[in-house]
Amino acid sequence: MNRLRRAGALGAVLAVTAACGVPTGDGPSTIAPADVPYGLAAPTSPPTAAPSAVPADEAGWAYLVGADGALVPRARDSGTGSPEERLAELLTALAAGPTEEERVQGLSTALPSGVALTAAIDGATATIDLSGVAPLSSNRRAVAQLVLTAASLPGVEAVLLTSDGEPVEAPLPSGALTDAPLLPADYAVFLSPPPESPPAASPVPTTTVPPPGTTSGSGTTAPRPVPTVPPPFVADTRPDTAAASPGAAVTVTDVRVGRQEGFDRVVFEVGGAGLPGWDARYVPDARSAGSGLAVDVAGDAVLRLVLTGVGLPGDTGVAPYEGPDPVPVGGAAVQEVVLDTIFEGQMVSFLGTAGERPFRVYRLQSPNRVVVEVLHQG
């Protein structure tokens, strides 16, 4: 019945169509383009896809030198193209230096004039080849500009400097030279103004001075030497993190502690491939990474240090630290260091402190080590 009803309806439509004068039964015919209204037959070009904007948190930056000596980021990334094209764009702008407006604002660059920079990205490592300049073996701020600029692009975790395709020695913030890939966390110190140097001491007369606390022949008390003013301790209580170098697999070989002027220092020396990263932060209590059980740590607060890029001694071929564990400190800031365990490429340690004091973490090389320093006073 349904099929019959549909057939009847179709016949009615055909009848109405014929009654309206619409030709039926003829073969298809070609319509001249001039007879097509509104230019609908005109050829059209395919639409061009607009380049998608890169999110602000994924944009790259060129780092220039501020008036106070600290490195400051300036927008130079168009956000279009491949990561290598974007890096080339950033480095070209960095080599060009600050704009006239930025120079008026006090911005400058530590890179020598005439430097030419080319780059390539392999995995998480960006290789920057320098030409037209002498090696940057003594220009730490220029190296920091290159490393921080390249690492501002998502996915770039290390920077290798070369000249004519061969690795060159570059200075770490400490001044030590290395031809290994450079890590941005090591150069974060250049994001803060350099500490002010103490004023130069006045020339001391070349006369014999009695020991401190004794009297000279004239009966006057000899002045005591003025102690050197240490540089400011730039730190706070916020979490501090840094990525390990690509392919890092290290083993902690030694743990050393010591009291310095104004702060306590804990050093984790490592051996193996690459450099470790870290995640350091205050936690409510110490919990073992493997079991979640409570860990006894002396002190009123717990600073947890997680070293990343860590391998088992059997995999790294490096003999591990043998103790003591816990490591007694008894300092004004750090009371004790407890080593927890290696779990999923991470080694967890707990620093028991006298309170949530400001701290800082940084890396040193030759030998490779991670240093944690906790301020005596908050």
Protein backbone atom coordinates (compact mmCIF):
# COMPACT_ATOMS: atom_id res chain seq x y z
CA MET A 1 0.00 0.00 0.00
CA ASN A 2 2.77 2.45 0.84
CA ARG A 3 4.49 1.81 -2.49
CA LEU A 4 1.24 2.42 -4.33
CA ARG A 5 0.65 5.70 -2.49
CA ARG A 6 4.18 6.90 -3.31
CA ALA A 7 3.71 5.98 -6.99
CA GLY A 8 0.44 7.92 -7.09
CA ALA A 9 2.03 10.98 -5.52
CA LEU A 10 4.88 10.88 -8.03
CA GLY A 11 2.40 10.75 -10.90
CA ALA A 12 0.60 13.79 -9.51
CA VAL A 13 3.89 15.75 -9.31
CA LEU A 14 4.72 14.90 -12.91
CA ALA A 15 1.29 15.98 -14.04
CA VAL A 16 1.59 19.35 -12.29
CA THR A 17 5.09 19.85 -13.74
CA ALA A 18 3.86 19.24 -17.26
CA ALA A 19 0.96 21.61 -16.70
CA CYS A 20 3.34 24.38 -15.66
CA GLY A 21 5.18 24.28 -18.96
CA VAL A 22 8.47 22.88 -17.69
CA PRO A 23 9.94 20.76 -20.48
CA THR A 24 10.21 17.08 -19.67
CA GLY A 25 11.81 14.16 -21.39
CA ASP A 26 14.46 16.23 -23.27
CA GLY A 27 18.20 15.45 -22.93
CA PRO A 28 20.57 17.73 -20.99
CA SER A 29 21.64 20.93 -22.75
CA THR A 30 24.60 23.29 -22.16
CA ILE A 31 23.88 26.77 -20.80
CA ALA A 32 26.10 29.57 -22.04
CA PRO A 33 28.16 31.22 -19.25
CA ALA A 34 26.72 34.60 -20.24
CA ASP A 35 23.25 33.28 -19.41
CA VAL A 36 24.22 32.24 -15.84
CA PRO A 37 23.16 35.02 -13.43
CA TYR A 38 25.30 36.68 -10.71
CA GLY A 39 28.57 35.36 -12.17
CA LEU A 40 28.03 31.96 -10.61
CA ALA A 41 29.96 30.30 -13.44
CA ALA A 42 33.07 32.42 -12.88
CA PRO A 43 36.13 30.44 -11.70
CA THR A 44 36.92 30.81 -8.02
CA SER A 45 40.24 30.32 -6.22
CA PRO A 46 40.30 27.88 -3.33
CA PRO A 47 40.07 29.55 0.08
CA THR A 48 43.36 30.14 1.84
CA ALA A 49 43.50 28.87 5.40
CA ALA A 50 44.46 31.61 7.81
CA PRO A 51 47.50 30.74 9.93
CA SER A 52 46.44 29.73 13.38
CA ALA A 53 47.76 31.91 16.16
CA VAL A 54 50.17 30.36 18.65
CA PRO A 55 48.85 30.55 22.22
CA ALA A 56 50.57 33.23 24.29
CA ASP A 57 52.05 30.66 26.67
CA GLU A 58 53.74 28.89 23.73
CA ALA A 59 55.26 31.98 22.09
CA GLY A 60 59.02 32.37 21.94
CA TRP A 61 60.97 35.36 23.25
CA ALA A 62 64.27 37.05 22.47
CA TYR A 63 66.18 37.89 25.65
CA LEU A 64 67.91 41.28 25.83
CA VAL A 65 69.97 42.90 28.58
CA GLY A 66 68.05 45.30 30.80
CA ALA A 67 69.39 48.51 32.29
CA ASP A 68 70.05 46.71 35.58
CA GLY A 69 71.94 43.87 33.89
CA ALA A 70 69.12 41.31 34.14
CA LEU A 71 67.92 39.57 30.99
CA VAL A 72 64.40 40.51 29.91
CA PRO A 73 62.20 38.84 27.25
CA ARG A 74 60.94 40.78 24.26
CA ALA A 75 58.36 39.54 21.74
CA ARG A 76 59.98 38.51 18.45
CA ASP A 77 58.05 35.31 17.56
CA SER A 78 55.49 35.61 14.74
CA GLY A 79 54.04 32.26 15.83
CA THR A 80 53.95 30.85 12.30
CA GLY A 81 56.07 28.20 10.65
CA SER A 82 57.87 25.13 11.94
CA PRO A 83 59.79 25.20 15.25
CA GLU A 84 63.07 25.54 13.30
CA GLU A 85 61.69 28.47 11.30
CA ARG A 86 60.47 30.16 14.47
CA LEU A 87 63.84 29.61 16.15
CA ALA A 88 65.63 31.09 13.11
CA GLU A 89 63.33 34.10 13.33
CA LEU A 90 64.09 34.57 17.03
CA LEU A 91 67.85 34.27 16.54
CA THR A 92 67.85 36.70 13.61
CA ALA A 93 66.06 39.24 15.78
CA LEU A 94 68.41 38.53 18.69
CA ALA A 95 71.48 39.09 16.50
CA ALA A 96 69.97 42.39 15.28
CA GLY A 97 69.80 43.61 18.87
CA PRO A 98 67.29 45.98 20.46
CA THR A 99 65.17 48.39 18.45
CA GLU A 100 65.71 52.14 18.72
CA GLU A 101 62.77 52.40 21.10
CA GLU A 102 64.21 49.62 23.25
CA ARG A 103 67.61 51.32 23.33
CA VAL A 104 65.94 54.45 24.64
CA GLN A 105 64.44 52.25 27.37
CA GLY A 106 67.94 51.12 28.34
CA LEU A 107 67.94 47.69 26.68
CA SER A 108 71.12 46.36 25.07
CA THR A 109 72.75 43.08 24.10
CA ALA A 110 75.88 41.22 25.14
CA LEU A 111 76.20 39.53 21.75
CA PRO A 112 79.04 40.96 19.64
CA SER A 113 78.10 42.91 16.54
CA GLY A 114 78.29 41.04 13.27
CA VAL A 115 77.38 37.68 14.78
CA ALA A 116 75.51 35.32 12.44
CA LEU A 117 73.36 32.61 13.99
CA THR A 118 71.92 29.53 12.34
CA ALA A 119 70.03 26.81 14.14
CA ALA A 120 68.59 23.34 13.89
CA ILE A 121 66.45 21.31 16.28
CA ASP A 122 67.00 17.61 16.91
CA GLY A 123 64.55 16.20 19.42
CA ALA A 124 64.69 18.42 22.51
CA THR A 125 68.11 19.93 21.68
CA ALA A 126 68.59 23.09 19.63
CA THR A 127 71.98 23.49 17.98
CA ILE A 128 73.07 27.09 17.36
CA ASP A 129 76.03 27.64 15.04
CA LEU A 130 77.93 30.90 15.45
CA SER A 131 80.00 32.55 12.76
CA GLY A 132 81.66 35.90 12.35
CA VAL A 133 82.75 36.23 15.98
CA ALA A 134 85.39 34.91 18.34
CA PRO A 135 84.35 32.11 20.74
CA LEU A 136 82.12 33.25 23.61
CA SER A 137 84.28 31.52 26.22
CA SER A 138 84.25 34.56 28.51
CA ASN A 139 80.88 36.09 27.62
CA ARG A 140 78.49 34.36 30.00
CA ARG A 141 75.66 36.85 29.55
CA ALA A 142 75.71 36.43 25.76
CA VAL A 143 75.55 32.65 26.17
CA ALA A 144 72.62 33.11 28.56
CA GLN A 145 70.82 35.18 25.92
CA LEU A 146 71.23 32.40 23.37
CA VAL A 147 70.18 29.59 25.72
CA LEU A 148 67.14 31.33 27.19
CA THR A 149 65.96 32.57 23.79
CA ALA A 150 66.12 29.12 22.20
CA ALA A 151 64.60 27.40 25.24
CA SER A 152 61.65 29.82 25.23
CA LEU A 153 60.18 27.73 22.40
CA PRO A 154 58.11 24.77 23.64
CA GLY A 155 59.97 21.49 23.28
CA VAL A 156 63.49 22.93 23.43
CA GLU A 157 65.14 21.72 26.64
CA ALA A 158 68.86 22.09 25.87
CA VAL A 159 71.12 24.16 23.60
CA LEU A 160 74.37 23.09 21.96
CA LEU A 161 76.70 25.79 20.64
CA THR A 162 78.85 25.00 17.60
CA SER A 163 81.17 26.78 15.19
CA ASP A 164 81.36 25.43 11.64
CA GLY A 165 79.47 22.39 12.88
CA GLU A 166 81.92 21.54 15.68
CA PRO A 167 80.96 21.88 19.37
CA VAL A 168 82.62 24.83 21.10
CA GLU A 169 83.29 25.40 24.78
CA ALA A 170 80.82 27.77 26.41
CA PRO A 171 80.95 29.24 29.91
CA LEU A 172 78.54 28.11 32.58
CA PRO A 173 77.37 30.78 35.05
CA SER A 174 80.20 29.66 37.37
CA GLY A 175 82.74 30.42 34.62
CA ALA A 176 83.63 26.77 34.02
CA LEU A 177 83.76 25.80 30.34
CA THR A 178 81.83 22.93 28.78
CA ASP A 179 81.13 21.68 25.27
CA ALA A 180 78.07 19.73 26.43
CA PRO A 181 74.49 20.90 25.77
CA LEU A 182 73.53 23.85 27.96
CA LEU A 183 70.41 23.83 30.12
CA PRO A 184 68.18 26.89 30.60
CA ALA A 185 67.81 26.30 34.34
CA ASP A 186 71.54 26.90 34.77
CA TYR A 187 71.23 30.37 33.25
CA ALA A 188 68.11 31.46 35.13
CA VAL A 189 70.43 33.36 37.47
CA PHE A 190 70.80 35.96 34.70
CA LEU A 191 67.09 36.80 34.97
CA SER A 192 67.91 38.70 38.18
CA PRO A 193 70.16 41.75 38.43
CA PRO A 194 73.74 40.87 39.36
CA PRO A 195 74.58 41.49 43.04
CA GLU A 196 76.19 44.79 43.76
CA SER A 197 79.89 44.59 44.47
CA PRO A 198 80.98 45.97 47.84
CA PRO A 199 82.72 49.34 47.63
CA ALA A 200 86.45 49.14 47.17
CA ALA A 201 88.39 49.48 50.36
CA SER A 202 90.49 52.60 50.85
CA PRO A 203 94.23 52.11 50.44
CA VAL A 204 95.86 51.04 53.68
CA PRO A 205 99.06 52.87 54.66
CA THR A 206 102.15 50.68 54.55
CA THR A 207 102.89 51.06 58.25
CA THR A 208 103.17 48.34 60.80
CA VAL A 209 99.84 47.82 62.53
CA PRO A 210 99.66 45.98 65.86
CA PRO A 211 97.37 42.93 66.06
CA PRO A 212 93.66 43.67 66.55
CA GLY A 213 92.78 44.64 70.09
CA THR A 214 96.31 45.83 71.00
CA THR A 215 97.57 49.37 71.32
CA SER A 216 100.10 51.08 69.13
CA GLY A 217 103.03 53.06 70.36
CA SER A 218 100.87 56.18 70.54
CA GLY A 219 98.47 54.46 72.90
CA THR A 220 95.59 54.31 70.40
CA THR A 221 93.75 51.09 69.67
CA ALA A 222 94.44 49.64 66.24
CA PRO A 223 91.26 49.30 64.11
CA ARG A 224 89.89 45.83 63.51
CA PRO A 225 89.60 44.70 59.87
CA VAL A 226 86.20 45.33 58.31
CA PRO A 227 84.58 42.02 57.20
CA THR A 228 83.68 41.64 53.51
CA VAL A 229 79.97 42.07 52.80
CA PRO A 230 78.66 38.86 51.20
CA PRO A 231 76.44 39.12 48.09
CA PRO A 232 72.68 39.00 48.70
CA PHE A 233 71.05 35.59 48.99
CA VAL A 234 68.48 35.58 46.17
CA ALA A 235 65.93 32.95 47.21
CA ASP A 236 62.35 32.41 48.38
CA THR A 237 60.11 29.61 49.64
CA ARG A 238 58.31 28.89 46.36
CA PRO A 239 58.77 25.56 44.52
CA ASP A 240 61.87 25.41 42.34
CA THR A 241 62.01 23.11 39.29
CA ALA A 242 64.40 22.41 36.42
CA ALA A 243 64.43 19.80 33.65
CA ALA A 244 67.13 17.17 33.33
CA SER A 245 69.30 17.21 30.23
CA PRO A 246 67.97 15.02 27.39
CA GLY A 247 68.90 11.38 27.95
CA ALA A 248 70.18 11.95 31.47
CA ALA A 249 70.79 8.82 33.56
CA VAL A 250 72.76 9.59 36.71
CA THR A 251 73.45 8.07 40.11
CA VAL A 252 74.04 10.04 43.32
CA THR A 253 77.59 9.23 44.40
CA ASP A 254 78.03 11.55 47.39
CA VAL A 255 76.04 13.78 49.72
CA ARG A 256 77.90 16.59 51.49
CA VAL A 257 76.61 19.17 53.94
CA GLY A 258 78.12 22.29 55.43
CA ARG A 259 77.34 25.53 57.18
CA GLN A 260 78.17 28.76 55.33
CA GLU A 261 77.90 32.39 56.27
CA GLY A 262 74.14 32.95 56.47
CA PHE A 263 72.96 29.63 55.03
CA ASP A 264 73.36 25.84 55.11
CA ARG A 265 74.45 23.97 51.98
CA VAL A 266 73.65 20.41 50.87
CA VAL A 267 75.46 19.02 47.81
CA PHE A 268 74.32 15.98 45.82
CA GLU A 269 77.19 14.85 43.58
CA VAL A 270 76.24 12.61 40.66
CA GLY A 271 77.92 10.44 38.06
CA GLY A 272 76.67 9.03 34.78
CA ALA A 273 75.29 10.49 31.59
CA GLY A 274 73.97 14.06 31.45
CA LEU A 275 72.78 16.34 34.21
CA PRO A 276 69.83 15.78 36.55
CA GLY A 277 66.84 18.04 36.97
CA TRP A 278 64.94 18.68 40.17
CA ASP A 279 61.69 19.56 41.88
CA ALA A 280 62.24 21.18 45.27
CA ARG A 281 59.39 22.35 47.48
CA TYR A 282 58.15 22.41 51.05
CA VAL A 283 55.61 19.67 51.82
CA PRO A 284 53.34 19.15 54.86
CA ASP A 285 55.10 15.90 55.77
CA ALA A 286 57.61 13.41 54.43
CA ARG A 287 56.10 10.43 52.57
CA SER A 288 58.07 7.69 50.83
CA ALA A 289 57.68 7.84 47.04
CA GLY A 290 57.33 4.08 46.72
CA SER A 291 55.05 3.13 49.62
CA GLY A 292 53.50 6.41 50.74
CA LEU A 293 54.50 5.62 54.31
CA ALA A 294 55.64 8.39 56.65
CA VAL A 295 59.38 9.09 56.84
CA ASP A 296 60.93 10.41 60.05
CA VAL A 297 62.86 13.63 59.43
CA ALA A 298 64.24 15.93 62.12
CA GLY A 299 63.13 19.57 61.98
CA ASP A 300 60.01 21.74 62.00
CA ALA A 301 59.52 21.74 58.21
CA VAL A 302 60.25 19.37 55.33
CA LEU A 303 61.90 20.48 52.10
CA ARG A 304 61.45 17.66 49.57
CA LEU A 305 64.02 17.37 46.78
CA VAL A 306 63.20 15.13 43.82
CA LEU A 307 66.14 14.61 41.45
CA THR A 308 65.03 13.65 37.93
CA GLY A 309 66.98 11.90 35.19
CA VAL A 310 68.17 9.31 37.71
CA GLY A 311 68.95 5.71 36.79
CA LEU A 312 69.53 2.59 38.83
CA PRO A 313 73.22 1.92 39.55
CA GLY A 314 73.00 -1.29 37.52
CA ASP A 315 71.91 0.74 34.50
CA THR A 316 74.28 3.70 34.88
CA GLY A 317 77.32 1.64 35.87
CA VAL A 318 78.10 4.15 38.64
CA ALA A 319 78.66 3.11 42.26
CA PRO A 320 75.99 4.78 44.47
CA TYR A 321 76.39 6.77 47.65
CA GLU A 322 76.91 4.43 50.59
CA GLY A 323 75.97 6.61 53.54
CA PRO A 324 75.52 7.70 56.18
CA ASP A 325 71.76 7.92 55.79
CA PRO A 326 70.22 9.94 57.39
CA VAL A 327 72.90 12.58 57.01
CA PRO A 328 73.19 14.60 60.24
CA VAL A 329 73.56 18.32 59.73
CA GLY A 330 72.43 20.18 62.84
CA GLY A 331 72.76 23.52 61.11
CA ALA A 332 70.86 26.69 61.83
CA ALA A 333 68.55 25.96 58.87
CA VAL A 334 68.98 22.30 57.85
CA GLN A 335 68.72 19.75 60.66
CA GLU A 336 68.95 16.46 58.76
CA VAL A 337 68.94 14.95 55.26
CA VAL A 338 67.10 11.67 54.65
CA LEU A 339 67.47 9.78 51.37
CA ASP A 340 64.26 7.97 50.41
CA THR A 341 64.37 5.86 47.27
CA ILE A 342 64.75 5.75 43.49
CA PHE A 343 61.31 5.47 41.90
CA GLU A 344 60.49 5.75 38.19
CA GLY A 345 63.66 7.64 37.26
CA GLN A 346 63.49 9.93 40.29
CA MET A 347 65.41 10.02 43.55
CA VAL A 348 63.58 11.51 46.51
CA SER A 349 65.30 13.11 49.50
CA PHE A 350 63.97 15.10 52.44
CA LEU A 351 65.72 18.03 54.08
CA GLY A 352 64.44 18.63 57.60
CA THR A 353 64.64 22.36 58.27
CA ALA A 354 64.10 24.67 61.21
CA GLY A 355 61.16 26.24 59.36
CA GLU A 356 60.07 27.14 55.86
CA ARG A 357 63.17 29.23 55.15
CA PRO A 358 64.02 30.70 51.72
CA PHE A 359 66.08 28.33 49.58
CA ARG A 360 67.68 28.10 46.16
CA VAL A 361 68.79 25.19 43.96
CA TYR A 362 71.36 25.23 41.18
CA ARG A 363 73.71 22.96 39.23
CA LEU A 364 77.49 22.90 39.01
CA GLN A 365 79.78 20.83 36.80
CA SER A 366 83.23 19.23 37.06
CA PRO A 367 82.10 17.28 39.01
CA ASN A 368 78.38 17.32 38.23
CA ARG A 369 76.31 18.18 41.28
CA VAL A 370 73.06 19.75 42.46
CA VAL A 371 73.37 22.27 45.29
CA VAL A 372 70.61 23.20 47.74
CA GLU A 373 71.14 26.21 50.00
CA VAL A 374 68.72 27.17 52.79
CA LEU A 375 68.85 30.57 54.43
CA HIS A 376 69.39 30.66 58.19
CA GLN A 377 66.74 33.34 58.72
CA GLY A 378 63.40 33.64 56.92
